[in-house]
Each structure stands twice: as structure tokens, then as C-alpha cells.
PDB file of N, CA and C in Angstrom:
ATOM      1  N   UNK A   1     -40.570  -3.553 108.715  1.00  0.00           N
ATOM      2  CA  UNK A   1     -40.677  -2.109 108.857  1.00  0.00           C
ATOM      3  C   UNK A   1     -42.147  -1.678 108.804  1.00  0.00           C
ATOM      4  N   UNK A   2     -42.817  -1.984 107.700  1.00  0.00           N
ATOM      5  CA  UNK A   2     -44.235  -1.664 107.602  1.00  0.00           C
ATOM      6  C   UNK A   2     -45.050  -2.919 107.882  1.00  0.00           C
ATOM      7  N   UNK A   3     -46.095  -2.717 108.641  1.00  0.00           N
ATOM      8  CA  UNK A   3     -46.979  -3.838 108.935  1.00  0.00           C
ATOM      9  C   UNK A   3     -48.321  -3.580 108.270  1.00  0.00           C
ATOM     10  N   UNK A   4     -49.090  -4.637 108.125  1.00  0.00           N
ATOM     11  CA  UNK A   4     -50.432  -4.460 107.588  1.00  0.00           C
ATOM     12  C   UNK A   4     -51.278  -3.750 108.628  1.00  0.00           C
ATOM     13  N   UNK A   5     -52.145  -2.891 108.148  1.00  0.00           N
ATOM     14  CA  UNK A   5     -53.020  -2.125 109.040  1.00  0.00           C
ATOM     15  C   UNK A   5     -53.871  -3.068 109.884  1.00  0.00           C
ATOM     16  N   UNK A   6     -54.321  -4.138 109.284  1.00  0.00           N
ATOM     17  CA  UNK A   6     -55.192  -5.074 110.003  1.00  0.00           C
ATOM     18  C   UNK A   6     -54.449  -5.822 111.110  1.00  0.00           C
ATOM     19  N   UNK A   7     -53.111  -5.892 111.017  1.00  0.00           N
ATOM     20  CA  UNK A   7     -52.338  -6.591 112.049  1.00  0.00           C
ATOM     21  C   UNK A   7     -52.051  -5.714 113.268  1.00  0.00           C
ATOM     22  N   UNK A   8     -52.292  -4.420 113.156  1.00  0.00           N
ATOM     23  CA  UNK A   8     -51.995  -3.511 114.258  1.00  0.00           C
ATOM     24  C   UNK A   8     -53.093  -3.557 115.320  1.00  0.00           C
ATOM     25  N   UNK A   9     -52.685  -3.300 116.556  1.00  0.00           N
ATOM     26  CA  UNK A   9     -53.678  -3.212 117.634  1.00  0.00           C
ATOM     27  C   UNK A   9     -54.367  -1.860 117.531  1.00  0.00           C
ATOM     28  N   UNK A  10     -55.448  -1.713 118.258  1.00  0.00           N
ATOM     29  CA  UNK A  10     -56.201  -0.459 118.221  1.00  0.00           C
ATOM     30  C   UNK A  10     -55.347   0.710 118.721  1.00  0.00           C
ATOM     31  N   UNK A  11     -54.541   0.460 119.729  1.00  0.00           N
ATOM     32  CA  UNK A  11     -53.664   1.508 120.268  1.00  0.00           C
ATOM     33  C   UNK A  11     -52.616   1.926 119.236  1.00  0.00           C
ATOM     34  N   UNK A  12     -52.036   0.975 118.530  1.00  0.00           N
ATOM     35  CA  UNK A  12     -51.045   1.277 117.497  1.00  0.00           C
ATOM     36  C   UNK A  12     -51.682   2.050 116.344  1.00  0.00           C
ATOM     37  N   UNK A  13     -52.916   1.696 116.005  1.00  0.00           N
ATOM     38  CA  UNK A  13     -53.622   2.422 114.953  1.00  0.00           C
ATOM     39  C   UNK A  13     -53.847   3.869 115.371  1.00  0.00           C
ATOM     40  N   UNK A  14     -54.233   4.065 116.632  1.00  0.00           N
ATOM     41  CA  UNK A  14     -54.473   5.414 117.126  1.00  0.00           C
ATOM     42  C   UNK A  14     -53.183   6.231 117.113  1.00  0.00           C
ATOM     43  N   UNK A  15     -52.080   5.619 117.520  1.00  0.00           N
ATOM     44  CA  UNK A  15     -50.793   6.316 117.503  1.00  0.00           C
ATOM     45  C   UNK A  15     -50.393   6.691 116.071  1.00  0.00           C
ATOM     46  N   UNK A  16     -50.649   5.790 115.138  1.00  0.00           N
ATOM     47  CA  UNK A  16     -50.328   6.062 113.734  1.00  0.00           C
ATOM     48  C   UNK A  16     -51.169   7.225 113.212  1.00  0.00           C
ATOM     49  N   UNK A  17     -52.452   7.256 113.583  1.00  0.00           N
ATOM     50  CA  UNK A  17     -53.321   8.359 113.161  1.00  0.00           C
ATOM     51  C   UNK A  17     -52.822   9.691 113.722  1.00  0.00           C
ATOM     52  N   UNK A  18     -52.433   9.667 114.996  1.00  0.00           N
ATOM     53  CA  UNK A  18     -51.951  10.892 115.632  1.00  0.00           C
ATOM     54  C   UNK A  18     -50.660  11.387 114.983  1.00  0.00           C
ATOM     55  N   UNK A  19     -49.740  10.473 114.678  1.00  0.00           N
ATOM     56  CA  UNK A  19     -48.499  10.855 113.996  1.00  0.00           C
ATOM     57  C   UNK A  19     -48.798  11.478 112.640  1.00  0.00           C
ATOM     58  N   UNK A  20     -49.722  10.849 111.927  1.00  0.00           N
ATOM     59  CA  UNK A  20     -50.090  11.350 110.601  1.00  0.00           C
ATOM     60  C   UNK A  20     -50.678  12.762 110.704  1.00  0.00           C
ATOM     61  N   UNK A  21     -51.612  12.958 111.621  1.00  0.00           N
ATOM     62  CA  UNK A  21     -52.268  14.255 111.729  1.00  0.00           C
ATOM     63  C   UNK A  21     -51.283  15.330 112.193  1.00  0.00           C
ATOM     64  N   UNK A  22     -50.362  14.952 113.071  1.00  0.00           N
ATOM     65  CA  UNK A  22     -49.374  15.912 113.549  1.00  0.00           C
ATOM     66  C   UNK A  22     -48.509  16.397 112.387  1.00  0.00           C
ATOM     67  N   UNK A  23     -48.044  15.461 111.555  1.00  0.00           N
ATOM     68  CA  UNK A  23     -47.214  15.857 110.412  1.00  0.00           C
ATOM     69  C   UNK A  23     -48.044  16.617 109.380  1.00  0.00           C
ATOM     70  N   UNK A  24     -49.315  16.229 109.218  1.00  0.00           N
ATOM     71  CA  UNK A  24     -50.214  16.898 108.285  1.00  0.00           C
ATOM     72  C   UNK A  24     -50.397  18.361 108.684  1.00  0.00           C
ATOM     73  N   UNK A  25     -50.711  18.600 109.961  1.00  0.00           N
ATOM     74  CA  UNK A  25     -50.927  19.976 110.415  1.00  0.00           C
ATOM     75  C   UNK A  25     -49.638  20.778 110.387  1.00  0.00           C
ATOM     76  N   UNK A  26     -48.521  20.159 110.726  1.00  0.00           N
ATOM     77  CA  UNK A  26     -47.240  20.852 110.705  1.00  0.00           C
ATOM     78  C   UNK A  26     -46.930  21.327 109.281  1.00  0.00           C
ATOM     79  N   UNK A  27     -47.105  20.440 108.309  1.00  0.00           N
ATOM     80  CA  UNK A  27     -46.854  20.786 106.914  1.00  0.00           C
ATOM     81  C   UNK A  27     -47.733  21.961 106.481  1.00  0.00           C
ATOM     82  N   UNK A  28     -49.026  21.883 106.797  1.00  0.00           N
ATOM     83  CA  UNK A  28     -49.937  22.930 106.344  1.00  0.00           C
ATOM     84  C   UNK A  28     -49.697  24.252 107.063  1.00  0.00           C
ATOM     85  N   UNK A  29     -49.307  24.223 108.311  1.00  0.00           N
ATOM     86  CA  UNK A  29     -48.961  25.461 109.012  1.00  0.00           C
ATOM     87  C   UNK A  29     -47.727  26.099 108.371  1.00  0.00           C
ATOM     88  N   UNK A  30     -46.748  25.276 108.010  1.00  0.00           N
ATOM     89  CA  UNK A  30     -45.556  25.796 107.338  1.00  0.00           C
ATOM     90  C   UNK A  30     -45.927  26.414 105.995  1.00  0.00           C
ATOM     91  N   UNK A  31     -46.780  25.742 105.246  1.00  0.00           N
ATOM     92  CA  UNK A  31     -47.194  26.261 103.935  1.00  0.00           C
ATOM     93  C   UNK A  31     -47.942  27.586 104.084  1.00  0.00           C
ATOM     94  N   UNK A  32     -48.817  27.686 105.088  1.00  0.00           N
ATOM     95  CA  UNK A  32     -49.545  28.937 105.303  1.00  0.00           C
ATOM     96  C   UNK A  32     -48.581  30.071 105.613  1.00  0.00           C
ATOM     97  N   UNK A  33     -47.576  29.797 106.440  1.00  0.00           N
ATOM     98  CA  UNK A  33     -46.595  30.823 106.790  1.00  0.00           C
ATOM     99  C   UNK A  33     -45.820  31.265 105.547  1.00  0.00           C
ATOM    100  N   UNK A  34     -45.406  30.306 104.738  1.00  0.00           N
ATOM    101  CA  UNK A  34     -44.673  30.624 103.502  1.00  0.00           C
ATOM    102  C   UNK A  34     -45.549  31.453 102.562  1.00  0.00           C
ATOM    103  N   UNK A  35     -46.808  31.069 102.425  1.00  0.00           N
ATOM    104  CA  UNK A  35     -47.708  31.788 101.525  1.00  0.00           C
ATOM    105  C   UNK A  35     -47.991  33.204 102.016  1.00  0.00           C
ATOM    106  N   UNK A  36     -48.063  33.398 103.344  1.00  0.00           N
ATOM    107  CA  UNK A  36     -48.256  34.751 103.878  1.00  0.00           C
ATOM    108  C   UNK A  36     -47.066  35.635 103.507  1.00  0.00           C
ATOM    109  N   UNK A  37     -45.861  35.089 103.632  1.00  0.00           N
ATOM    110  CA  UNK A  37     -44.659  35.854 103.291  1.00  0.00           C
ATOM    111  C   UNK A  37     -44.647  36.174 101.801  1.00  0.00           C
ATOM    112  N   UNK A  38     -44.991  35.199 100.971  1.00  0.00           N
ATOM    113  CA  UNK A  38     -45.017  35.429  99.527  1.00  0.00           C
ATOM    114  C   UNK A  38     -46.058  36.481  99.158  1.00  0.00           C
ATOM    115  N   UNK A  39     -47.227  36.412  99.788  1.00  0.00           N
ATOM    116  CA  UNK A  39     -48.294  37.371  99.488  1.00  0.00           C
ATOM    117  C   UNK A  39     -47.880  38.777  99.893  1.00  0.00           C
ATOM    118  N   UNK A  40     -47.253  38.900 101.046  1.00  0.00           N
ATOM    119  CA  UNK A  40     -46.801  40.215 101.507  1.00  0.00           C
ATOM    120  C   UNK A  40     -45.755  40.789 100.558  1.00  0.00           C
ATOM    121  N   UNK A  41     -44.811  39.946 100.142  1.00  0.00           N
ATOM    122  CA  UNK A  41     -43.763  40.387  99.214  1.00  0.00           C
ATOM    123  C   UNK A  41     -44.379  40.810  97.881  1.00  0.00           C
ATOM    124  N   UNK A  42     -45.329  40.008  97.359  1.00  0.00           N
ATOM    125  CA  UNK A  42     -45.992  40.327  96.097  1.00  0.00           C
ATOM    126  C   UNK A  42     -46.724  41.660  96.211  1.00  0.00           C
ATOM    127  N   UNK A  43     -47.439  41.838  97.329  1.00  0.00           N
ATOM    128  CA  UNK A  43     -48.194  43.077  97.512  1.00  0.00           C
ATOM    129  C   UNK A  43     -47.265  44.287  97.546  1.00  0.00           C
ATOM    130  N   UNK A  44     -46.150  44.165  98.268  1.00  0.00           N
ATOM    131  CA  UNK A  44     -45.216  45.283  98.353  1.00  0.00           C
ATOM    132  C   UNK A  44     -44.604  45.606  96.993  1.00  0.00           C
ATOM    133  N   UNK A  45     -44.323  44.575  96.182  1.00  0.00           N
ATOM    134  CA  UNK A  45     -43.727  44.795  94.869  1.00  0.00           C
ATOM    135  C   UNK A  45     -44.725  45.382  93.874  1.00  0.00           C
ATOM    136  N   UNK A  46     -46.008  45.022  94.031  1.00  0.00           N
ATOM    137  CA  UNK A  46     -47.018  45.419  93.045  1.00  0.00           C
ATOM    138  C   UNK A  46     -48.103  46.319  93.634  1.00  0.00           C
ATOM    139  N   UNK A  47     -47.767  47.045  94.664  1.00  0.00           N
ATOM    140  CA  UNK A  47     -48.743  47.861  95.388  1.00  0.00           C
ATOM    141  C   UNK A  47     -49.465  48.848  94.469  1.00  0.00           C
ATOM    142  N   UNK A  48     -48.710  49.549  93.646  1.00  0.00           N
ATOM    143  CA  UNK A  48     -49.306  50.570  92.775  1.00  0.00           C
ATOM    144  C   UNK A  48     -50.294  49.955  91.784  1.00  0.00           C
ATOM    145  N   UNK A  49     -49.893  48.833  91.169  1.00  0.00           N
ATOM    146  CA  UNK A  49     -50.781  48.166  90.204  1.00  0.00           C
ATOM    147  C   UNK A  49     -52.057  47.686  90.885  1.00  0.00           C
ATOM    148  N   UNK A  50     -51.906  47.098  92.068  1.00  0.00           N
ATOM    149  CA  UNK A  50     -53.063  46.570  92.794  1.00  0.00           C
ATOM    150  C   UNK A  50     -54.025  47.698  93.160  1.00  0.00           C
ATOM    151  N   UNK A  51     -53.474  48.798  93.676  1.00  0.00           N
ATOM    152  CA  UNK A  51     -54.318  49.929  94.050  1.00  0.00           C
ATOM    153  C   UNK A  51     -55.022  50.532  92.834  1.00  0.00           C
ATOM    154  N   UNK A  52     -54.321  50.580  91.705  1.00  0.00           N
ATOM    155  CA  UNK A  52     -54.925  51.110  90.481  1.00  0.00           C
ATOM    156  C   UNK A  52     -56.095  50.232  90.027  1.00  0.00           C
ATOM    157  N   UNK A  53     -55.892  48.915  90.065  1.00  0.00           N
ATOM    158  CA  UNK A  53     -56.971  47.996  89.667  1.00  0.00           C
ATOM    159  C   UNK A  53     -58.161  48.106  90.598  1.00  0.00           C
ATOM    160  N   UNK A  54     -57.894  48.261  91.905  1.00  0.00           N
ATOM    161  CA  UNK A  54     -58.988  48.424  92.870  1.00  0.00           C
ATOM    162  C   UNK A  54     -59.767  49.697  92.578  1.00  0.00           C
ATOM    163  N   UNK A  55     -59.048  50.767  92.257  1.00  0.00           N
ATOM    164  CA  UNK A  55     -59.686  52.043  91.958  1.00  0.00           C
ATOM    165  C   UNK A  55     -60.553  51.924  90.700  1.00  0.00           C
ATOM    166  N   UNK A  56     -60.018  51.256  89.664  1.00  0.00           N
ATOM    167  CA  UNK A  56     -60.779  51.072  88.423  1.00  0.00           C
ATOM    168  C   UNK A  56     -62.039  50.251  88.671  1.00  0.00           C
ATOM    169  N   UNK A  57     -61.913  49.196  89.463  1.00  0.00           N
ATOM    170  CA  UNK A  57     -63.077  48.365  89.767  1.00  0.00           C
ATOM    171  C   UNK A  57     -64.120  49.164  90.545  1.00  0.00           C
ATOM    172  N   UNK A  58     -63.668  49.979  91.495  1.00  0.00           N
ATOM    173  CA  UNK A  58     -64.584  50.810  92.280  1.00  0.00           C
ATOM    174  C   UNK A  58     -65.330  51.790  91.379  1.00  0.00           C
ATOM    175  N   UNK A  59     -64.597  52.419  90.465  1.00  0.00           N
ATOM    176  CA  UNK A  59     -65.236  53.381  89.566  1.00  0.00           C
ATOM    177  C   UNK A  59     -66.222  52.694  88.619  1.00  0.00           C
ATOM    178  N   UNK A  60     -65.889  51.491  88.185  1.00  0.00           N
ATOM    179  CA  UNK A  60     -66.793  50.744  87.313  1.00  0.00           C
ATOM    180  C   UNK A  60     -68.094  50.412  88.043  1.00  0.00           C
ATOM    181  N   UNK A  61     -67.973  49.992  89.301  1.00  0.00           N
ATOM    182  CA  UNK A  61     -69.156  49.678  90.117  1.00  0.00           C
ATOM    183  C   UNK A  61     -69.988  50.938  90.324  1.00  0.00           C
ATOM    184  N   UNK A  62     -69.335  52.051  90.619  1.00  0.00           N
ATOM    185  CA  UNK A  62     -70.047  53.315  90.821  1.00  0.00           C
ATOM    186  C   UNK A  62     -70.796  53.721  89.556  1.00  0.00           C
ATOM    187  N   UNK A  63     -70.176  53.561  88.399  1.00  0.00           N
ATOM    188  CA  UNK A  63     -70.826  53.961  87.149  1.00  0.00           C
ATOM    189  C   UNK A  63     -72.055  53.088  86.870  1.00  0.00           C
ATOM    190  N   UNK A  64     -71.986  51.817  87.236  1.00  0.00           N
ATOM    191  CA  UNK A  64     -73.131  50.924  87.060  1.00  0.00           C
ATOM    192  C   UNK A  64     -74.248  51.326  88.014  1.00  0.00           C
ATOM    193  N   UNK A  65     -73.900  51.652  89.247  1.00  0.00           N
ATOM    194  CA  UNK A  65     -74.898  52.055  90.232  1.00  0.00           C
ATOM    195  C   UNK A  65     -75.599  53.343  89.805  1.00  0.00           C
ATOM    196  N   UNK A  66     -74.856  54.275  89.249  1.00  0.00           N
ATOM    197  CA  UNK A  66     -75.417  55.542  88.806  1.00  0.00           C
ATOM    198  C   UNK A  66     -76.362  55.318  87.643  1.00  0.00           C
ATOM    199  N   UNK A  67     -75.994  54.399  86.738  1.00  0.00           N
ATOM    200  CA  UNK A  67     -76.836  54.165  85.574  1.00  0.00           C
ATOM    201  C   UNK A  67     -78.142  53.435  85.932  1.00  0.00           C
ATOM    202  N   UNK A  68     -78.183  52.772  87.076  1.00  0.00           N
ATOM    203  CA  UNK A  68     -79.427  52.114  87.496  1.00  0.00           C
ATOM    204  C   UNK A  68     -80.329  53.176  88.031  1.00  0.00           C
TER     205      UNK A  68
END
């Protein structure tokens, strides 16, 4: 089933690399899609808290700028 890497021909090695990269990119694209959905859901659930924290941070920055 599995062969030693050194026993494979150059063409077989290239095919193995391509299979690996294809599955690697497929997995990461799926993960990115899942994370986008999770982030959107989190944002919708916590919109008010997030906006409040952004407002507080903005006011803190403004107060520092004024004091300079």
C-alpha cells in the first residue's frame, strides 16, 4: 500500500505532491468558510457589546489625543 519515498519515480512523487496540496488547500478553504460563518454569527449575537467596546476605545484614544 505505502511505498518508500525513495522507491518512487519522479512522476509518482510529483503526483503525490499534487494530491497532498489539493487536499491541503481544500481543507483550508473549508475551514475559512466555516470560520467566516462563525464570525458572522458571533458578530450578530454580540453586535451591541462589540459596538460599545469600539465606542469606548475610540473615546479613550480621543481623550489621549486631547491631553497631548
